[in-house]
Amino acid sequence: MVTKKSRFDNPRSYTKGIPIVLWLLFLVVVPLIFTFAMSFYRSEGLVLEKSFNLENYKLFFTDSVYPRVLFKSFRMALGVSLLSIAMAYPIAYVASFKMVRGKNLLFMMCIIPLWVSYLVRIIAWRSILGNRGLINSALMIIGLIEEPLRIFLYNKFAIIVTLTYICIPFVFIPVYTSLEKIPRNILNAANDLGANEIHTFVNVVLPLSLPGLITGFIFSFIIALGDYIIPLQLGGTQGIMFGNLIWSQFGFAFNWPFGAALGFVLFIISVTILGLAAKFGSTEGGFLSE
């Protein structure tokens, strides 16, 4: 009996993964270990006192400001993720099932924003939502308002709109990929059995696209939860999010240990969400593999 030789029996196969392991080690694992260790330090003015203590974590749990901001950031990130899915999924569905010509053009239009600088896109939305921006100018031209409205900028609305725009491509790509992997003969079989388009979508397309949908949700949620530039530029006093608190500790307050503790709390929450979502989104072929 001839046994099939595994490619892992060759010692050289292990060496191929060394560059990736080193990259993960020095750019991911080492900074996390350093951040975790710093979260137990103490800041005395401009000096970091390397003494083990739990004061930073105790401050987070005892001061109601930080959990409240974290919960607000969590709610806003969840809202951004749901809005991103609501806008990206129909576009991906149309591109995958309804378009023959122009499919590639629509795909490129959805991912082109990723080629533009992050800050440029933020400045563009400041121009759109500002007092003399596109929306106010259009409303004034058609005579609906006489003075610029201040409700579009420096509030939660501006943050949610901009974050949703930023996250749509990250939802569209995995959803479109999942939809493209669905065998078309399954849809034809559903039609032959008398299912209309709505029943086919609910019972076939949506379950099989769940892995991509959950992946897009994870991307958008993590991006929105940890972002601090958009709240800083467009949120004003109403738009302070947890990322801004972390940034302020490393910047203005020069309290790096407490900033590291806040950052590690956010990291644990993100990893927990990723772990829970992976149970539902890791199936490559959707529910066909069950």
Protein backbone atom coordinates (compact mmCIF):
# COMPACT_ATOMS: atom_id res chain seq x y z
CA MET A 1 0.00 0.00 0.00
CA VAL A 2 1.40 3.31 -1.07
CA THR A 3 0.83 6.18 1.32
CA LYS A 4 0.52 9.65 -0.02
CA LYS A 5 3.40 11.80 1.10
CA SER A 6 2.32 15.01 2.75
CA ARG A 7 3.95 18.23 1.71
CA PHE A 8 4.61 18.88 5.40
CA ASP A 9 6.94 15.87 5.52
CA ASN A 10 9.47 18.00 3.69
CA PRO A 11 11.36 20.19 6.20
CA ARG A 12 11.66 22.90 3.58
CA SER A 13 7.89 23.42 3.61
CA TYR A 14 8.16 24.86 7.12
CA THR A 15 10.71 27.45 6.08
CA LYS A 16 8.23 29.05 3.68
CA GLY A 17 6.21 30.35 6.60
CA ILE A 18 9.14 31.96 8.41
CA PRO A 19 8.71 35.45 6.81
CA ILE A 20 5.02 35.54 7.77
CA VAL A 21 5.77 34.34 11.29
CA LEU A 22 8.45 36.99 11.72
CA TRP A 23 6.13 39.66 10.35
CA LEU A 24 3.38 38.68 12.81
CA LEU A 25 5.88 38.42 15.63
CA PHE A 26 7.56 41.83 15.30
CA LEU A 27 4.60 43.87 14.01
CA VAL A 28 1.72 42.32 15.94
CA VAL A 29 2.73 40.12 18.87
CA VAL A 30 5.62 42.19 20.25
CA PRO A 31 3.67 45.52 20.22
CA LEU A 32 0.73 43.80 21.96
CA ILE A 33 3.00 42.40 24.66
CA PHE A 34 4.65 45.80 25.10
CA THR A 35 1.25 47.52 25.32
CA PHE A 36 -0.05 44.98 27.82
CA ALA A 37 3.05 45.40 29.99
CA MET A 38 2.83 49.21 29.84
CA SER A 39 -0.81 49.10 30.98
CA PHE A 40 0.47 48.08 34.45
CA TYR A 41 2.91 50.99 34.70
CA ARG A 42 2.28 54.31 36.38
CA SER A 43 2.75 57.80 34.98
CA GLU A 44 4.38 60.35 37.26
CA GLY A 45 4.43 63.58 35.29
CA LEU A 46 6.69 62.94 32.32
CA VAL A 47 8.24 59.84 33.85
CA LEU A 48 6.96 56.28 33.47
CA GLU A 49 7.28 54.35 36.72
CA LYS A 50 7.73 50.66 35.85
CA SER A 51 6.02 49.22 38.90
CA PHE A 52 3.30 46.59 38.61
CA ASN A 53 -0.10 47.93 39.66
CA LEU A 54 -3.76 47.72 38.66
CA GLU A 55 -4.56 51.40 39.08
CA ASN A 56 -5.18 52.00 35.36
CA TYR A 57 -7.74 49.21 35.08
CA LYS A 58 -9.26 50.20 38.40
CA LEU A 59 -9.70 53.77 37.10
CA PHE A 60 -11.44 52.46 33.98
CA PHE A 61 -13.98 50.43 35.95
CA THR A 62 -14.55 52.93 38.77
CA ASP A 63 -14.88 56.10 36.68
CA SER A 64 -18.25 55.97 34.92
CA VAL A 65 -17.06 58.23 32.08
CA TYR A 66 -14.97 55.58 30.35
CA PRO A 67 -17.52 52.71 30.32
CA ARG A 68 -20.19 55.19 29.20
CA VAL A 69 -18.09 56.40 26.27
CA LEU A 70 -17.21 52.80 25.40
CA PHE A 71 -20.89 51.84 25.37
CA LYS A 72 -21.72 54.86 23.22
CA SER A 73 -18.94 53.92 20.80
CA PHE A 74 -20.24 50.35 20.75
CA ARG A 75 -23.75 51.53 19.85
CA MET A 76 -22.49 53.87 17.13
CA ALA A 77 -20.24 51.15 15.67
CA LEU A 78 -23.19 48.75 15.61
CA GLY A 79 -25.34 51.34 13.85
CA VAL A 80 -22.62 52.05 11.30
CA SER A 81 -22.22 48.32 10.61
CA LEU A 82 -25.94 47.81 10.06
CA LEU A 83 -26.17 50.85 7.79
CA SER A 84 -23.15 49.69 5.82
CA ILE A 85 -24.73 46.26 5.33
CA ALA A 86 -28.06 47.81 4.34
CA MET A 87 -26.35 49.87 1.64
CA ALA A 88 -23.65 47.46 0.46
CA TYR A 89 -25.67 44.24 0.28
CA PRO A 90 -28.21 45.44 -2.34
CA ILE A 91 -25.39 46.80 -4.50
CA ALA A 92 -23.49 43.51 -4.27
CA TYR A 93 -26.67 41.55 -5.01
CA VAL A 94 -27.47 43.61 -8.09
CA ALA A 95 -23.89 43.39 -9.32
CA SER A 96 -23.77 39.63 -8.84
CA PHE A 97 -27.20 38.51 -10.06
CA LYS A 98 -28.79 41.29 -12.07
CA MET A 99 -25.97 42.75 -14.14
CA VAL A 100 -24.17 41.27 -17.10
CA ARG A 101 -22.73 44.38 -18.66
CA GLY A 102 -21.18 46.92 -16.35
CA LYS A 103 -20.61 44.45 -13.49
CA ASN A 104 -16.88 45.12 -13.39
CA LEU A 105 -17.48 48.86 -13.66
CA LEU A 106 -19.83 48.81 -10.67
CA PHE A 107 -17.33 46.73 -8.70
CA MET A 108 -14.56 49.20 -9.45
CA MET A 109 -16.75 52.16 -8.48
CA CYS A 110 -17.37 50.56 -5.09
CA ILE A 111 -13.70 49.97 -4.31
CA ILE A 112 -12.22 53.13 -5.88
CA PRO A 113 -12.72 55.07 -2.58
CA LEU A 114 -10.13 52.75 -1.04
CA TRP A 115 -7.56 54.20 -3.43
CA VAL A 116 -8.12 57.72 -2.10
CA SER A 117 -6.39 58.96 1.03
CA TYR A 118 -8.34 58.46 4.24
CA LEU A 119 -7.89 62.10 5.24
CA VAL A 120 -8.95 63.33 1.80
CA ARG A 121 -12.23 61.47 2.12
CA ILE A 122 -12.82 62.98 5.56
CA ILE A 123 -12.12 66.50 4.28
CA ALA A 124 -14.49 65.85 1.39
CA TRP A 125 -17.30 65.00 3.80
CA ARG A 126 -16.53 68.12 5.84
CA SER A 127 -17.05 70.08 2.64
CA ILE A 128 -20.31 68.29 1.94
CA LEU A 129 -21.77 68.64 5.44
CA GLY A 130 -20.34 72.09 6.31
CA ASN A 131 -22.23 75.35 6.65
CA ARG A 132 -21.31 76.30 3.09
CA GLY A 133 -21.13 72.71 1.93
CA LEU A 134 -22.93 70.93 -0.85
CA ILE A 135 -26.09 70.10 1.11
CA ASN A 136 -26.64 73.56 2.57
CA SER A 137 -25.80 75.24 -0.74
CA ALA A 138 -28.31 73.06 -2.59
CA LEU A 139 -31.03 73.72 -0.04
CA MET A 140 -30.40 77.47 -0.23
CA ILE A 141 -30.44 77.47 -4.04
CA ILE A 142 -33.85 75.77 -4.23
CA GLY A 143 -35.19 78.11 -1.52
CA LEU A 144 -35.93 75.63 1.24
CA ILE A 145 -33.72 77.46 3.73
CA GLU A 146 -32.44 81.01 4.06
CA GLU A 147 -29.46 80.34 6.32
CA PRO A 148 -27.11 77.35 6.47
CA LEU A 149 -28.23 74.59 8.79
CA ARG A 150 -25.79 73.54 11.49
CA ILE A 151 -27.30 70.12 12.08
CA PHE A 152 -25.15 68.28 9.52
CA LEU A 153 -21.73 68.80 11.06
CA TYR A 154 -20.03 68.37 14.44
CA ASN A 155 -22.46 65.81 15.83
CA LYS A 156 -23.20 62.07 15.84
CA PHE A 157 -24.96 62.33 12.48
CA ALA A 158 -21.79 63.46 10.72
CA ILE A 159 -19.76 60.67 12.34
CA ILE A 160 -22.24 57.94 11.39
CA VAL A 161 -22.58 59.16 7.80
CA THR A 162 -18.84 59.42 7.25
CA LEU A 163 -18.02 56.13 8.95
CA THR A 164 -20.72 54.39 6.91
CA TYR A 165 -19.19 55.76 3.72
CA ILE A 166 -15.75 54.56 4.84
CA CYS A 167 -17.01 51.07 5.74
CA ILE A 168 -19.20 50.33 2.68
CA PRO A 169 -16.31 48.99 0.52
CA PHE A 170 -15.20 46.71 3.36
CA VAL A 171 -18.70 45.21 3.47
CA PHE A 172 -19.24 45.13 -0.28
CA ILE A 173 -16.13 43.09 -1.15
CA PRO A 174 -16.74 40.02 1.09
CA VAL A 175 -20.49 40.04 0.38
CA TYR A 176 -19.92 40.23 -3.38
CA THR A 177 -17.36 37.42 -3.15
CA SER A 178 -19.83 35.20 -1.26
CA LEU A 179 -22.60 35.90 -3.75
CA GLU A 180 -20.34 35.09 -6.67
CA LYS A 181 -19.48 31.71 -5.11
CA ILE A 182 -23.12 30.61 -4.98
CA PRO A 183 -23.69 27.95 -7.69
CA ARG A 184 -26.25 29.25 -10.15
CA ASN A 185 -27.72 25.78 -10.67
CA ILE A 186 -29.04 25.95 -7.09
CA LEU A 187 -30.99 29.06 -7.98
CA ASN A 188 -32.31 27.39 -11.11
CA ALA A 189 -33.39 24.39 -9.04
CA ALA A 190 -35.24 26.67 -6.63
CA ASN A 191 -37.05 28.29 -9.55
CA ASP A 192 -37.94 24.88 -11.00
CA LEU A 193 -39.45 23.91 -7.67
CA GLY A 194 -41.75 26.94 -7.80
CA ALA A 195 -39.92 29.39 -5.53
CA ASN A 196 -40.27 33.02 -6.52
CA GLU A 197 -37.44 35.52 -6.30
CA ILE A 198 -38.21 36.54 -2.71
CA HIS A 199 -38.39 32.94 -1.47
CA THR A 200 -35.19 32.10 -3.33
CA PHE A 201 -33.41 35.03 -1.72
CA VAL A 202 -34.62 34.27 1.81
CA ASN A 203 -34.09 30.51 1.72
CA VAL A 204 -31.08 30.17 -0.59
CA VAL A 205 -29.14 33.35 -1.34
CA LEU A 206 -29.16 34.94 2.11
CA PRO A 207 -28.08 31.80 4.05
CA LEU A 208 -25.30 31.04 1.56
CA SER A 209 -24.02 34.62 1.70
CA LEU A 210 -23.91 34.75 5.51
CA PRO A 211 -20.14 34.07 5.75
CA GLY A 212 -19.38 37.13 3.62
CA LEU A 213 -22.05 39.15 5.39
CA ILE A 214 -20.61 38.41 8.81
CA THR A 215 -17.09 39.11 7.57
CA GLY A 216 -18.24 42.50 6.29
CA PHE A 217 -19.95 43.17 9.60
CA ILE A 218 -16.73 42.39 11.48
CA PHE A 219 -14.67 44.69 9.25
CA SER A 220 -17.08 47.61 9.55
CA PHE A 221 -17.66 47.17 13.28
CA ILE A 222 -13.95 47.04 14.18
CA ILE A 223 -13.16 50.03 11.94
CA ALA A 224 -15.98 52.12 13.42
CA LEU A 225 -15.30 51.10 17.02
CA GLY A 226 -11.62 52.07 17.00
CA ASP A 227 -11.68 55.14 14.77
CA TYR A 228 -10.70 58.46 16.32
CA ILE A 229 -9.90 60.72 13.33
CA ILE A 230 -13.47 61.04 12.05
CA PRO A 231 -14.91 61.85 15.51
CA LEU A 232 -12.08 64.34 15.99
CA GLN A 233 -12.66 66.10 12.65
CA LEU A 234 -16.45 65.84 12.31
CA GLY A 235 -17.86 65.01 15.74
CA GLY A 236 -17.19 68.06 17.85
CA THR A 237 -17.99 67.77 21.56
CA GLN A 238 -20.91 65.42 20.89
CA GLY A 239 -18.86 62.92 18.93
CA ILE A 240 -16.19 61.85 21.42
CA MET A 241 -15.62 58.12 21.05
CA PHE A 242 -13.47 55.63 22.88
CA GLY A 243 -10.68 55.97 20.32
CA ASN A 244 -10.47 59.68 21.14
CA LEU A 245 -9.96 58.87 24.82
CA ILE A 246 -7.08 56.55 23.96
CA TRP A 247 -5.54 59.09 21.62
CA SER A 248 -5.80 61.87 24.22
CA GLN A 249 -3.95 59.78 26.82
CA PHE A 250 -1.02 59.28 24.46
CA GLY A 251 -1.18 62.88 23.25
CA PHE A 252 -2.34 65.69 25.51
CA ALA A 253 -2.39 63.86 28.85
CA PHE A 254 0.93 62.03 28.34
CA ASN A 255 -0.46 59.17 30.40
CA TRP A 256 0.77 56.30 28.27
CA PRO A 257 0.07 53.55 30.82
CA PHE A 258 -3.59 54.51 31.11
CA GLY A 259 -3.83 54.87 27.34
CA ALA A 260 -2.32 51.39 27.00
CA ALA A 261 -4.90 50.03 29.45
CA LEU A 262 -7.76 51.62 27.50
CA GLY A 263 -6.31 50.31 24.26
CA PHE A 264 -5.99 46.80 25.64
CA VAL A 265 -9.60 46.87 26.87
CA LEU A 266 -10.67 47.78 23.34
CA PHE A 267 -8.43 45.04 21.96
CA ILE A 268 -10.01 42.38 24.21
CA ILE A 269 -13.50 43.47 23.17
CA SER A 270 -12.54 43.35 19.48
CA VAL A 271 -10.97 39.89 19.81
CA THR A 272 -14.06 38.64 21.64
CA ILE A 273 -16.32 39.91 18.87
CA LEU A 274 -14.08 38.33 16.24
CA GLY A 275 -14.13 35.02 18.09
CA LEU A 276 -17.91 34.98 18.42
CA ALA A 277 -18.47 36.00 14.82
CA ALA A 278 -15.95 33.45 13.52
CA LYS A 279 -18.25 30.65 14.63
CA PHE A 280 -20.83 31.85 12.11
CA GLY A 281 -18.66 33.33 9.38
CA SER A 282 -15.90 30.78 8.95
CA THR A 283 -17.82 28.29 6.82
CA GLU A 284 -16.33 28.64 3.36
CA GLY A 285 -19.22 27.19 1.41
CA GLY A 286 -22.02 28.54 3.50
CA PHE A 287 -24.58 25.99 4.66
CA LEU A 288 -23.89 23.64 1.78
CA SER A 289 -21.08 22.04 3.77
CA GLU A 290 -23.35 20.91 6.58
